Amino acid sequence: PVPRRTPLALRLHVDGGALDITEQGHEKRLAAYVVNKPDDVPGIARLGIDALDPALDEATLASLLKAAGGTHLKTVLANQSVIAGIGNAYSDEILHAARLSPFSGASRLDAAGITRLREAIGSILGAAVSDASGREPSELKDAKRGGMRVHGRTGEKCPVCGDVVRQVDLGSRSLQYCAGCQTNGKVYADRRLSKLLK
């Protein structure tokens, strides 16, 4: 039995001790599998190309974006079955570095935008991996948060242009962006707040 009010989800007893698996996320979902190979886990089998795989070049990225059609760039980047390893926070950071709107249609991105996006994926995630190397697990979350320029920084000044970092809530997620850097000054409505104001 797992004690209440704890992030502990599973304790696996092995020779010489135990392995505790915790769930710290907001959505509180976790799965554990005992398999012969990683691809036997459904969640791993459906992963897209690794974001730092050299095979994710501009042509491959362009093909993935075209296949996504009019889906927003933010949604495509955060979708692990399209590109594995980016997620919610880093998609905000990548789009900011690439100077792209999170609401741009994926298939509408021109060649220059694809180049900027590919470069941003490599630089943002490469820096994140480098920053995490050698750190204790207990330090990782604060180190990640400290390196963010827009994600989790709603109301603060953009470190690039000085505009205010803004937020839009989308279901159980939120996104942060800089209108000055990413949307030519256009401010998107916060859908949750807009509902309250009606």
N, C-alpha and C. Protein backbone atom coordinates (compact mmCIF):
# COMPACT_ATOMS: atom_id res chain seq x y z
N PRO A 1 0.83 -1.21 0.00
CA PRO A 1 0.00 0.00 0.00
C PRO A 1 0.87 1.26 0.00
N VAL A 2 0.46 2.23 -0.80
CA VAL A 2 1.21 3.49 -0.89
C VAL A 2 0.60 4.48 0.09
N PRO A 3 1.44 5.11 0.94
CA PRO A 3 0.90 6.10 1.87
C PRO A 3 0.23 7.23 1.11
N ARG A 4 -0.83 7.78 1.69
CA ARG A 4 -1.53 8.89 1.04
C ARG A 4 -0.69 10.16 1.09
N ARG A 5 -1.04 11.09 0.21
CA ARG A 5 -0.37 12.40 0.12
C ARG A 5 1.14 12.28 -0.08
N THR A 6 1.49 11.44 -1.01
CA THR A 6 2.89 11.28 -1.35
C THR A 6 2.97 11.09 -2.86
N PRO A 7 4.06 11.52 -3.47
CA PRO A 7 4.19 11.28 -4.91
C PRO A 7 4.59 9.84 -5.24
N LEU A 8 4.82 9.01 -4.21
CA LEU A 8 5.22 7.63 -4.44
C LEU A 8 4.08 6.86 -5.11
N ALA A 9 4.36 6.28 -6.27
CA ALA A 9 3.34 5.54 -7.00
C ALA A 9 3.59 4.04 -7.01
N LEU A 10 4.87 3.66 -6.96
CA LEU A 10 5.20 2.25 -7.04
C LEU A 10 6.52 2.01 -6.34
N ARG A 11 6.58 0.94 -5.55
CA ARG A 11 7.84 0.52 -4.95
C ARG A 11 8.14 -0.87 -5.46
N LEU A 12 9.25 -1.02 -6.18
CA LEU A 12 9.67 -2.28 -6.76
C LEU A 12 10.79 -2.85 -5.90
N HIS A 13 10.54 -4.01 -5.31
CA HIS A 13 11.55 -4.65 -4.47
C HIS A 13 12.45 -5.52 -5.34
N VAL A 14 13.73 -5.31 -5.23
CA VAL A 14 14.73 -6.08 -5.98
C VAL A 14 15.79 -6.55 -5.00
N ASP A 15 16.61 -7.50 -5.43
CA ASP A 15 17.68 -7.96 -4.56
C ASP A 15 18.54 -6.78 -4.14
N GLY A 16 18.70 -6.62 -2.86
CA GLY A 16 19.57 -5.55 -2.36
C GLY A 16 18.86 -4.24 -2.11
N GLY A 17 17.55 -4.17 -2.27
CA GLY A 17 16.88 -2.91 -1.97
C GLY A 17 15.57 -2.75 -2.71
N ALA A 18 15.18 -1.50 -2.85
CA ALA A 18 13.92 -1.19 -3.51
C ALA A 18 14.10 0.02 -4.42
N LEU A 19 13.28 0.08 -5.45
CA LEU A 19 13.27 1.20 -6.38
C LEU A 19 11.92 1.88 -6.24
N ASP A 20 11.92 3.15 -5.86
CA ASP A 20 10.68 3.91 -5.74
C ASP A 20 10.44 4.70 -7.01
N ILE A 21 9.24 4.62 -7.53
CA ILE A 21 8.85 5.39 -8.72
C ILE A 21 7.80 6.39 -8.27
N THR A 22 8.03 7.65 -8.60
CA THR A 22 7.12 8.72 -8.17
C THR A 22 6.47 9.39 -9.36
N GLU A 23 5.37 10.07 -9.11
CA GLU A 23 4.66 10.84 -10.12
C GLU A 23 4.46 12.25 -9.58
N GLN A 24 5.23 13.19 -10.11
CA GLN A 24 5.17 14.57 -9.63
C GLN A 24 4.32 15.46 -10.53
N GLY A 25 3.90 14.95 -11.70
CA GLY A 25 3.18 15.77 -12.67
C GLY A 25 1.79 16.15 -12.20
N HIS A 26 1.23 17.14 -12.89
CA HIS A 26 -0.11 17.63 -12.56
C HIS A 26 -1.20 16.63 -12.95
N GLU A 27 -0.96 15.88 -14.02
CA GLU A 27 -2.01 14.99 -14.52
C GLU A 27 -2.07 13.66 -13.78
N LYS A 28 -1.06 13.36 -12.96
CA LYS A 28 -1.03 12.16 -12.12
C LYS A 28 -1.31 10.89 -12.90
N ARG A 29 -0.52 10.67 -13.94
CA ARG A 29 -0.65 9.40 -14.65
C ARG A 29 0.75 8.81 -14.82
N LEU A 30 0.81 7.52 -14.64
CA LEU A 30 2.08 6.82 -14.66
C LEU A 30 1.81 5.38 -15.05
N ALA A 31 2.76 4.79 -15.76
CA ALA A 31 2.65 3.38 -16.10
C ALA A 31 4.02 2.75 -15.92
N ALA A 32 4.04 1.49 -15.52
CA ALA A 32 5.29 0.75 -15.38
C ALA A 32 5.12 -0.58 -16.13
N TYR A 33 6.13 -0.97 -16.87
CA TYR A 33 6.08 -2.19 -17.67
C TYR A 33 7.31 -3.04 -17.41
N VAL A 34 7.14 -4.35 -17.48
CA VAL A 34 8.26 -5.29 -17.48
C VAL A 34 8.22 -5.93 -18.87
N VAL A 35 9.24 -5.64 -19.68
CA VAL A 35 9.23 -6.06 -21.08
C VAL A 35 10.59 -6.60 -21.48
N ASN A 36 10.63 -7.24 -22.63
CA ASN A 36 11.88 -7.76 -23.18
C ASN A 36 12.66 -6.70 -23.94
N LYS A 37 11.95 -5.77 -24.58
CA LYS A 37 12.61 -4.69 -25.30
C LYS A 37 11.76 -3.43 -25.19
N PRO A 38 12.37 -2.25 -25.25
CA PRO A 38 11.63 -1.00 -25.06
C PRO A 38 10.44 -0.82 -25.99
N ASP A 39 10.54 -1.26 -27.23
CA ASP A 39 9.44 -1.07 -28.17
C ASP A 39 8.19 -1.88 -27.81
N ASP A 40 8.30 -2.78 -26.81
CA ASP A 40 7.12 -3.51 -26.34
C ASP A 40 6.21 -2.62 -25.48
N VAL A 41 6.71 -1.46 -25.08
CA VAL A 41 5.90 -0.50 -24.31
C VAL A 41 5.16 0.38 -25.30
N PRO A 42 3.82 0.40 -25.27
CA PRO A 42 3.06 1.17 -26.26
C PRO A 42 3.48 2.64 -26.36
N GLY A 43 3.75 3.26 -25.23
CA GLY A 43 4.14 4.67 -25.25
C GLY A 43 5.46 4.91 -25.94
N ILE A 44 6.37 3.95 -25.87
CA ILE A 44 7.66 4.09 -26.55
C ILE A 44 7.51 3.75 -28.03
N ALA A 45 6.71 2.76 -28.33
CA ALA A 45 6.51 2.34 -29.72
C ALA A 45 5.92 3.46 -30.57
N ARG A 46 5.12 4.34 -29.96
CA ARG A 46 4.47 5.39 -30.74
C ARG A 46 5.27 6.69 -30.80
N LEU A 47 6.46 6.72 -30.18
CA LEU A 47 7.26 7.93 -30.20
C LEU A 47 7.72 8.26 -31.61
N GLY A 48 7.75 9.54 -31.91
CA GLY A 48 8.28 10.01 -33.18
C GLY A 48 9.80 10.05 -33.13
N ILE A 49 10.39 10.68 -34.13
CA ILE A 49 11.84 10.81 -34.20
C ILE A 49 12.34 11.62 -33.02
N ASP A 50 13.49 11.24 -32.48
CA ASP A 50 14.08 11.97 -31.36
C ASP A 50 14.47 13.37 -31.82
N ALA A 51 14.16 14.36 -31.01
CA ALA A 51 14.41 15.75 -31.38
C ALA A 51 15.88 16.04 -31.64
N LEU A 52 16.78 15.30 -31.03
CA LEU A 52 18.21 15.52 -31.23
C LEU A 52 18.85 14.51 -32.19
N ASP A 53 18.04 13.70 -32.84
CA ASP A 53 18.55 12.75 -33.82
C ASP A 53 19.04 13.53 -35.05
N PRO A 54 20.28 13.29 -35.48
CA PRO A 54 20.78 13.99 -36.67
C PRO A 54 19.90 13.78 -37.91
N ALA A 55 19.10 12.71 -37.93
CA ALA A 55 18.20 12.46 -39.06
C ALA A 55 17.05 13.48 -39.12
N LEU A 56 16.84 14.21 -38.02
CA LEU A 56 15.82 15.26 -38.03
C LEU A 56 16.44 16.52 -38.65
N ASP A 57 16.66 16.44 -39.95
CA ASP A 57 17.21 17.59 -40.67
C ASP A 57 16.05 18.47 -41.17
N GLU A 58 16.38 19.50 -41.92
CA GLU A 58 15.34 20.43 -42.38
C GLU A 58 14.33 19.75 -43.29
N ALA A 59 14.78 18.84 -44.14
CA ALA A 59 13.85 18.15 -45.05
C ALA A 59 12.88 17.27 -44.27
N THR A 60 13.39 16.55 -43.28
CA THR A 60 12.53 15.69 -42.46
C THR A 60 11.56 16.53 -41.65
N LEU A 61 12.06 17.61 -41.07
CA LEU A 61 11.19 18.51 -40.30
C LEU A 61 10.10 19.09 -41.20
N ALA A 62 10.46 19.52 -42.39
CA ALA A 62 9.48 20.07 -43.33
C ALA A 62 8.40 19.04 -43.66
N SER A 63 8.81 17.79 -43.83
CA SER A 63 7.86 16.71 -44.13
C SER A 63 6.90 16.48 -42.96
N LEU A 64 7.42 16.49 -41.74
CA LEU A 64 6.57 16.31 -40.56
C LEU A 64 5.58 17.45 -40.41
N LEU A 65 6.05 18.67 -40.66
CA LEU A 65 5.17 19.84 -40.54
C LEU A 65 4.09 19.82 -41.62
N LYS A 66 4.47 19.43 -42.83
CA LYS A 66 3.49 19.36 -43.92
C LYS A 66 2.41 18.33 -43.59
N ALA A 67 2.83 17.19 -43.04
CA ALA A 67 1.88 16.13 -42.68
C ALA A 67 0.92 16.57 -41.58
N ALA A 68 1.35 17.53 -40.76
CA ALA A 68 0.50 18.02 -39.67
C ALA A 68 -0.59 18.97 -40.15
N GLY A 69 -0.49 19.43 -41.38
CA GLY A 69 -1.51 20.30 -41.95
C GLY A 69 -1.61 21.62 -41.21
N GLY A 70 -2.82 22.03 -40.91
CA GLY A 70 -3.05 23.33 -40.26
C GLY A 70 -2.91 23.31 -38.75
N THR A 71 -2.48 22.19 -38.19
CA THR A 71 -2.29 22.11 -36.75
C THR A 71 -1.29 23.16 -36.31
N HIS A 72 -1.53 23.78 -35.16
CA HIS A 72 -0.63 24.82 -34.65
C HIS A 72 0.77 24.25 -34.38
N LEU A 73 1.78 25.09 -34.64
CA LEU A 73 3.17 24.68 -34.39
C LEU A 73 3.37 24.19 -32.97
N LYS A 74 2.82 24.91 -32.00
CA LYS A 74 2.95 24.52 -30.59
C LYS A 74 2.47 23.08 -30.38
N THR A 75 1.32 22.76 -30.93
CA THR A 75 0.73 21.43 -30.77
C THR A 75 1.60 20.36 -31.41
N VAL A 76 2.14 20.63 -32.59
CA VAL A 76 2.99 19.66 -33.28
C VAL A 76 4.27 19.42 -32.49
N LEU A 77 4.92 20.49 -32.03
CA LEU A 77 6.17 20.33 -31.30
C LEU A 77 6.00 19.59 -29.98
N ALA A 78 4.87 19.77 -29.32
CA ALA A 78 4.64 19.14 -28.03
C ALA A 78 4.14 17.70 -28.16
N ASN A 79 3.81 17.28 -29.37
CA ASN A 79 3.26 15.94 -29.61
C ASN A 79 4.41 14.93 -29.70
N GLN A 80 4.55 14.07 -28.71
CA GLN A 80 5.64 13.11 -28.64
C GLN A 80 5.60 12.08 -29.77
N SER A 81 4.44 11.86 -30.37
CA SER A 81 4.36 10.89 -31.47
C SER A 81 4.84 11.50 -32.79
N VAL A 82 5.05 12.81 -32.83
CA VAL A 82 5.62 13.46 -34.01
C VAL A 82 7.12 13.64 -33.82
N ILE A 83 7.51 14.35 -32.76
CA ILE A 83 8.92 14.54 -32.41
C ILE A 83 9.06 14.26 -30.92
N ALA A 84 9.85 13.29 -30.56
CA ALA A 84 9.99 12.90 -29.16
C ALA A 84 11.05 13.77 -28.47
N GLY A 85 10.71 14.24 -27.28
CA GLY A 85 11.70 14.91 -26.45
C GLY A 85 11.54 16.41 -26.31
N ILE A 86 10.50 17.00 -26.90
CA ILE A 86 10.34 18.45 -26.78
C ILE A 86 9.35 18.77 -25.67
N GLY A 87 8.10 18.43 -25.80
CA GLY A 87 7.11 18.66 -24.76
C GLY A 87 6.65 20.10 -24.66
N ASN A 88 5.92 20.39 -23.60
CA ASN A 88 5.26 21.69 -23.42
C ASN A 88 6.24 22.83 -23.17
N ALA A 89 7.08 22.69 -22.17
CA ALA A 89 7.98 23.78 -21.79
C ALA A 89 8.98 24.10 -22.90
N TYR A 90 9.65 23.08 -23.42
CA TYR A 90 10.67 23.34 -24.43
C TYR A 90 10.07 23.79 -25.76
N SER A 91 8.81 23.43 -26.05
CA SER A 91 8.20 23.95 -27.28
C SER A 91 8.05 25.46 -27.19
N ASP A 92 7.69 25.98 -26.00
CA ASP A 92 7.62 27.44 -25.82
C ASP A 92 8.99 28.08 -26.07
N GLU A 93 10.02 27.47 -25.49
CA GLU A 93 11.37 28.02 -25.62
C GLU A 93 11.87 27.95 -27.07
N ILE A 94 11.61 26.86 -27.73
CA ILE A 94 12.05 26.68 -29.12
C ILE A 94 11.35 27.69 -30.03
N LEU A 95 10.04 27.84 -29.87
CA LEU A 95 9.30 28.79 -30.71
C LEU A 95 9.77 30.22 -30.46
N HIS A 96 10.09 30.55 -29.22
CA HIS A 96 10.61 31.88 -28.92
C HIS A 96 11.95 32.10 -29.60
N ALA A 97 12.85 31.13 -29.47
CA ALA A 97 14.18 31.25 -30.08
C ALA A 97 14.09 31.34 -31.61
N ALA A 98 13.11 30.64 -32.19
CA ALA A 98 12.94 30.65 -33.65
C ALA A 98 12.12 31.84 -34.13
N ARG A 99 11.60 32.64 -33.20
CA ARG A 99 10.78 33.81 -33.52
C ARG A 99 9.54 33.41 -34.34
N LEU A 100 8.86 32.35 -33.87
CA LEU A 100 7.68 31.84 -34.54
C LEU A 100 6.49 31.86 -33.59
N SER A 101 5.33 32.18 -34.14
CA SER A 101 4.10 32.17 -33.34
C SER A 101 3.69 30.74 -33.01
N PRO A 102 3.27 30.50 -31.77
CA PRO A 102 2.80 29.15 -31.42
C PRO A 102 1.53 28.77 -32.17
N PHE A 103 0.81 29.77 -32.69
CA PHE A 103 -0.45 29.50 -33.38
C PHE A 103 -0.32 29.45 -34.90
N SER A 104 0.90 29.54 -35.43
CA SER A 104 1.08 29.40 -36.88
C SER A 104 0.73 27.98 -37.30
N GLY A 105 0.14 27.86 -38.47
CA GLY A 105 -0.15 26.54 -39.02
C GLY A 105 1.15 25.85 -39.40
N ALA A 106 1.31 24.61 -38.98
CA ALA A 106 2.57 23.88 -39.20
C ALA A 106 2.91 23.77 -40.68
N SER A 107 1.93 23.48 -41.51
CA SER A 107 2.21 23.26 -42.93
C SER A 107 2.46 24.57 -43.69
N ARG A 108 2.21 25.70 -43.05
CA ARG A 108 2.39 26.99 -43.72
C ARG A 108 3.76 27.62 -43.48
N LEU A 109 4.62 26.94 -42.75
CA LEU A 109 5.93 27.49 -42.44
C LEU A 109 6.81 27.51 -43.69
N ASP A 110 7.41 28.66 -43.97
CA ASP A 110 8.27 28.76 -45.15
C ASP A 110 9.66 28.20 -44.85
N ALA A 111 10.52 28.19 -45.87
CA ALA A 111 11.86 27.58 -45.74
C ALA A 111 12.68 28.28 -44.66
N ALA A 112 12.61 29.60 -44.60
CA ALA A 112 13.38 30.34 -43.58
C ALA A 112 12.89 29.98 -42.18
N GLY A 113 11.58 29.84 -42.01
CA GLY A 113 11.01 29.45 -40.72
C GLY A 113 11.42 28.05 -40.32
N ILE A 114 11.46 27.14 -41.28
CA ILE A 114 11.88 25.77 -41.01
C ILE A 114 13.35 25.74 -40.58
N THR A 115 14.17 26.54 -41.23
CA THR A 115 15.59 26.62 -40.87
C THR A 115 15.74 27.13 -39.43
N ARG A 116 15.03 28.22 -39.11
CA ARG A 116 15.10 28.78 -37.75
C ARG A 116 14.59 27.77 -36.71
N LEU A 117 13.52 27.07 -37.05
CA LEU A 117 12.95 26.09 -36.13
C LEU A 117 13.92 24.94 -35.89
N ARG A 118 14.53 24.42 -36.95
CA ARG A 118 15.49 23.32 -36.80
C ARG A 118 16.68 23.75 -35.95
N GLU A 119 17.19 24.96 -36.21
CA GLU A 119 18.32 25.47 -35.43
C GLU A 119 17.94 25.65 -33.96
N ALA A 120 16.73 26.14 -33.72
CA ALA A 120 16.28 26.36 -32.33
C ALA A 120 16.10 25.05 -31.59
N ILE A 121 15.58 24.02 -32.26
CA ILE A 121 15.43 22.71 -31.62
C ILE A 121 16.80 22.23 -31.15
N GLY A 122 17.78 22.30 -32.02
CA GLY A 122 19.13 21.84 -31.67
C GLY A 122 19.77 22.65 -30.57
N SER A 123 19.67 23.98 -30.66
CA SER A 123 20.35 24.82 -29.67
C SER A 123 19.67 24.77 -28.30
N ILE A 124 18.35 24.84 -28.26
CA ILE A 124 17.63 24.84 -26.97
C ILE A 124 17.78 23.49 -26.27
N LEU A 125 17.54 22.39 -26.99
CA LEU A 125 17.63 21.08 -26.35
C LEU A 125 19.07 20.69 -26.08
N GLY A 126 19.98 21.08 -26.96
CA GLY A 126 21.39 20.80 -26.72
C GLY A 126 21.88 21.47 -25.45
N ALA A 127 21.47 22.73 -25.25
CA ALA A 127 21.84 23.45 -24.02
C ALA A 127 21.20 22.81 -22.80
N ALA A 128 19.95 22.35 -22.94
CA ALA A 128 19.26 21.71 -21.81
C ALA A 128 19.96 20.42 -21.39
N VAL A 129 20.37 19.62 -22.36
CA VAL A 129 21.08 18.37 -22.05
C VAL A 129 22.41 18.69 -21.39
N SER A 130 23.11 19.67 -21.91
CA SER A 130 24.40 20.07 -21.33
C SER A 130 24.24 20.56 -19.90
N ASP A 131 23.20 21.38 -19.66
CA ASP A 131 22.95 21.92 -18.32
C ASP A 131 22.59 20.82 -17.32
N ALA A 132 21.91 19.78 -17.80
CA ALA A 132 21.46 18.70 -16.91
C ALA A 132 22.56 17.70 -16.60
N SER A 133 23.58 17.63 -17.45
CA SER A 133 24.64 16.64 -17.26
C SER A 133 25.37 16.82 -15.94
N GLY A 134 25.47 15.74 -15.20
CA GLY A 134 26.20 15.76 -13.94
C GLY A 134 25.43 16.29 -12.75
N ARG A 135 24.21 16.74 -12.95
CA ARG A 135 23.41 17.27 -11.83
C ARG A 135 22.70 16.14 -11.10
N GLU A 136 22.48 16.36 -9.84
CA GLU A 136 21.68 15.44 -9.04
C GLU A 136 20.22 15.56 -9.49
N PRO A 137 19.46 14.47 -9.44
CA PRO A 137 18.04 14.53 -9.83
C PRO A 137 17.27 15.63 -9.10
N SER A 138 17.59 15.87 -7.83
CA SER A 138 16.88 16.88 -7.05
C SER A 138 17.13 18.31 -7.57
N GLU A 139 18.19 18.50 -8.35
CA GLU A 139 18.53 19.83 -8.87
C GLU A 139 17.95 20.09 -10.25
N LEU A 140 17.48 19.06 -10.93
CA LEU A 140 17.11 19.19 -12.33
C LEU A 140 15.95 20.15 -12.58
N LYS A 141 14.91 20.10 -11.78
CA LYS A 141 13.74 20.94 -12.03
C LYS A 141 14.10 22.42 -11.90
N ASP A 142 14.82 22.79 -10.84
CA ASP A 142 15.21 24.19 -10.66
C ASP A 142 16.17 24.64 -11.76
N ALA A 143 17.07 23.76 -12.17
CA ALA A 143 18.01 24.11 -13.24
C ALA A 143 17.26 24.34 -14.55
N LYS A 144 16.28 23.48 -14.83
CA LYS A 144 15.47 23.64 -16.04
C LYS A 144 14.72 24.96 -16.00
N ARG A 145 14.05 25.22 -14.89
CA ARG A 145 13.27 26.45 -14.75
C ARG A 145 14.16 27.69 -14.89
N GLY A 146 15.35 27.64 -14.31
CA GLY A 146 16.26 28.78 -14.35
C GLY A 146 16.74 29.13 -15.75
N GLY A 147 16.75 28.14 -16.65
CA GLY A 147 17.22 28.38 -18.01
C GLY A 147 16.14 28.83 -18.98
N MET A 148 14.90 28.89 -18.53
CA MET A 148 13.79 29.25 -19.42
C MET A 148 13.73 30.76 -19.65
N ARG A 149 13.45 31.15 -20.89
CA ARG A 149 13.32 32.57 -21.22
C ARG A 149 11.88 33.04 -21.21
N VAL A 150 10.94 32.17 -21.66
CA VAL A 150 9.53 32.57 -21.66
C VAL A 150 8.64 31.60 -20.88
N HIS A 151 8.93 30.32 -20.95
CA HIS A 151 8.05 29.35 -20.28
C HIS A 151 8.09 29.56 -18.76
N GLY A 152 6.90 29.68 -18.16
CA GLY A 152 6.80 29.90 -16.72
C GLY A 152 7.16 31.31 -16.29
N ARG A 153 7.23 32.24 -17.23
CA ARG A 153 7.66 33.61 -16.92
C ARG A 153 6.59 34.65 -17.29
N THR A 154 5.34 34.27 -17.21
CA THR A 154 4.24 35.18 -17.52
C THR A 154 4.35 36.45 -16.69
N GLY A 155 4.22 37.60 -17.37
CA GLY A 155 4.27 38.90 -16.70
C GLY A 155 5.67 39.48 -16.57
N GLU A 156 6.69 38.66 -16.80
CA GLU A 156 8.07 39.16 -16.74
C GLU A 156 8.46 39.75 -18.09
N LYS A 157 9.60 40.44 -18.12
CA LYS A 157 10.08 41.01 -19.36
C LYS A 157 10.82 39.96 -20.19
N CYS A 158 10.58 40.00 -21.49
CA CYS A 158 11.31 39.13 -22.41
C CYS A 158 12.78 39.53 -22.37
N PRO A 159 13.69 38.56 -22.20
CA PRO A 159 15.11 38.91 -22.14
C PRO A 159 15.69 39.35 -23.48
N VAL A 160 14.94 39.18 -24.56
CA VAL A 160 15.43 39.57 -25.88
C VAL A 160 14.98 40.98 -26.26
N CYS A 161 13.66 41.24 -26.14
CA CYS A 161 13.15 42.54 -26.62
C CYS A 161 12.56 43.41 -25.52
N GLY A 162 12.36 42.87 -24.33
CA GLY A 162 11.83 43.66 -23.22
C GLY A 162 10.32 43.73 -23.15
N ASP A 163 9.61 43.14 -24.11
CA ASP A 163 8.15 43.10 -24.07
C ASP A 163 7.72 42.17 -22.92
N VAL A 164 6.44 42.18 -22.60
CA VAL A 164 5.92 41.34 -21.52
C VAL A 164 5.69 39.92 -22.04
N VAL A 165 6.10 38.91 -21.28
CA VAL A 165 5.81 37.52 -21.61
C VAL A 165 4.35 37.27 -21.26
N ARG A 166 3.61 36.75 -22.22
CA ARG A 166 2.17 36.53 -22.06
C ARG A 166 1.85 35.04 -22.04
N GLN A 167 0.63 34.74 -21.59
CA GLN A 167 0.21 33.35 -21.45
C GLN A 167 -1.15 33.14 -22.08
N VAL A 168 -1.33 31.98 -22.68
CA VAL A 168 -2.63 31.53 -23.16
C VAL A 168 -2.85 30.14 -22.58
N ASP A 169 -4.00 29.92 -21.97
CA ASP A 169 -4.33 28.60 -21.41
C ASP A 169 -5.10 27.79 -22.44
N LEU A 170 -4.66 26.56 -22.63
CA LEU A 170 -5.28 25.64 -23.60
C LEU A 170 -5.58 24.34 -22.89
N GLY A 171 -6.80 24.15 -22.46
CA GLY A 171 -7.17 22.93 -21.76
C GLY A 171 -6.38 22.79 -20.48
N SER A 172 -5.65 21.67 -20.35
CA SER A 172 -4.88 21.42 -19.14
C SER A 172 -3.47 22.01 -19.24
N ARG A 173 -3.15 22.62 -20.36
CA ARG A 173 -1.82 23.20 -20.57
C ARG A 173 -1.91 24.70 -20.74
N SER A 174 -0.77 25.31 -20.63
CA SER A 174 -0.68 26.74 -20.96
C SER A 174 0.56 26.92 -21.82
N LEU A 175 0.57 28.02 -22.55
CA LEU A 175 1.76 28.35 -23.32
C LEU A 175 2.14 29.79 -23.01
N GLN A 176 3.42 30.07 -23.07
CA GLN A 176 3.93 31.42 -22.87
C GLN A 176 4.66 31.84 -24.14
N TYR A 177 4.53 33.12 -24.47
CA TYR A 177 5.15 33.64 -25.68
C TYR A 177 5.42 35.13 -25.51
N CYS A 178 6.24 35.67 -26.40
CA CYS A 178 6.53 37.09 -26.42
C CYS A 178 5.95 37.65 -27.71
N ALA A 179 5.00 38.56 -27.58
CA ALA A 179 4.38 39.16 -28.77
C ALA A 179 5.40 39.94 -29.58
N GLY A 180 6.34 40.60 -28.93
CA GLY A 180 7.35 41.37 -29.63
C GLY A 180 8.26 40.52 -30.49
N CYS A 181 8.64 39.36 -30.00
CA CYS A 181 9.56 38.47 -30.73
C CYS A 181 8.85 37.52 -31.68
N GLN A 182 7.62 37.13 -31.36
CA GLN A 182 7.02 36.00 -32.06
C GLN A 182 5.79 36.30 -32.90
N THR A 183 5.05 37.35 -32.59
CA THR A 183 3.76 37.53 -33.26
C THR A 183 3.60 38.93 -33.87
N ASN A 184 4.70 39.62 -34.12
CA ASN A 184 4.65 40.99 -34.66
C ASN A 184 3.76 41.89 -33.80
N GLY A 185 3.79 41.69 -32.50
CA GLY A 185 3.03 42.53 -31.58
C GLY A 185 1.62 42.08 -31.31
N LYS A 186 1.14 41.08 -32.02
CA LYS A 186 -0.23 40.60 -31.81
C LYS A 186 -0.32 39.88 -30.48
N VAL A 187 -1.33 40.26 -29.67
CA VAL A 187 -1.56 39.63 -28.37
C VAL A 187 -2.76 38.70 -28.51
N TYR A 188 -2.56 37.44 -28.15
CA TYR A 188 -3.64 36.46 -28.22
C TYR A 188 -4.48 36.51 -26.96
N ALA A 189 -5.78 36.26 -27.13
CA ALA A 189 -6.68 36.24 -25.98
C ALA A 189 -6.40 35.01 -25.13
N ASP A 190 -6.42 35.21 -23.82
CA ASP A 190 -6.32 34.09 -22.89
C ASP A 190 -7.72 33.50 -22.80
N ARG A 191 -7.90 32.30 -23.31
CA ARG A 191 -9.24 31.73 -23.45
C ARG A 191 -9.94 31.52 -22.11
N ARG A 192 -9.21 31.15 -21.07
CA ARG A 192 -9.86 30.97 -19.77
C ARG A 192 -10.35 32.30 -19.22
N LEU A 193 -9.50 33.34 -19.31
CA LEU A 193 -9.88 34.65 -18.81
C LEU A 193 -11.00 35.24 -19.65
N SER A 194 -10.96 35.04 -20.97
CA SER A 194 -12.00 35.55 -21.85
C SER A 194 -13.36 34.99 -21.47
N LYS A 195 -13.43 33.72 -21.09
CA LYS A 195 -14.70 33.12 -20.68
C LYS A 195 -15.24 33.78 -19.43
N LEU A 196 -14.35 34.14 -18.50
CA LEU A 196 -14.80 34.78 -17.27
C LEU A 196 -15.33 36.20 -17.50
N LEU A 197 -14.82 36.85 -18.54
CA LEU A 197 -15.21 38.24 -18.81
C LEU A 197 -16.50 38.36 -19.58
N LYS A 198 -17.05 37.25 -20.11
CA LYS A 198 -18.29 37.32 -20.89
C LYS A 198 -19.49 37.60 -20.02
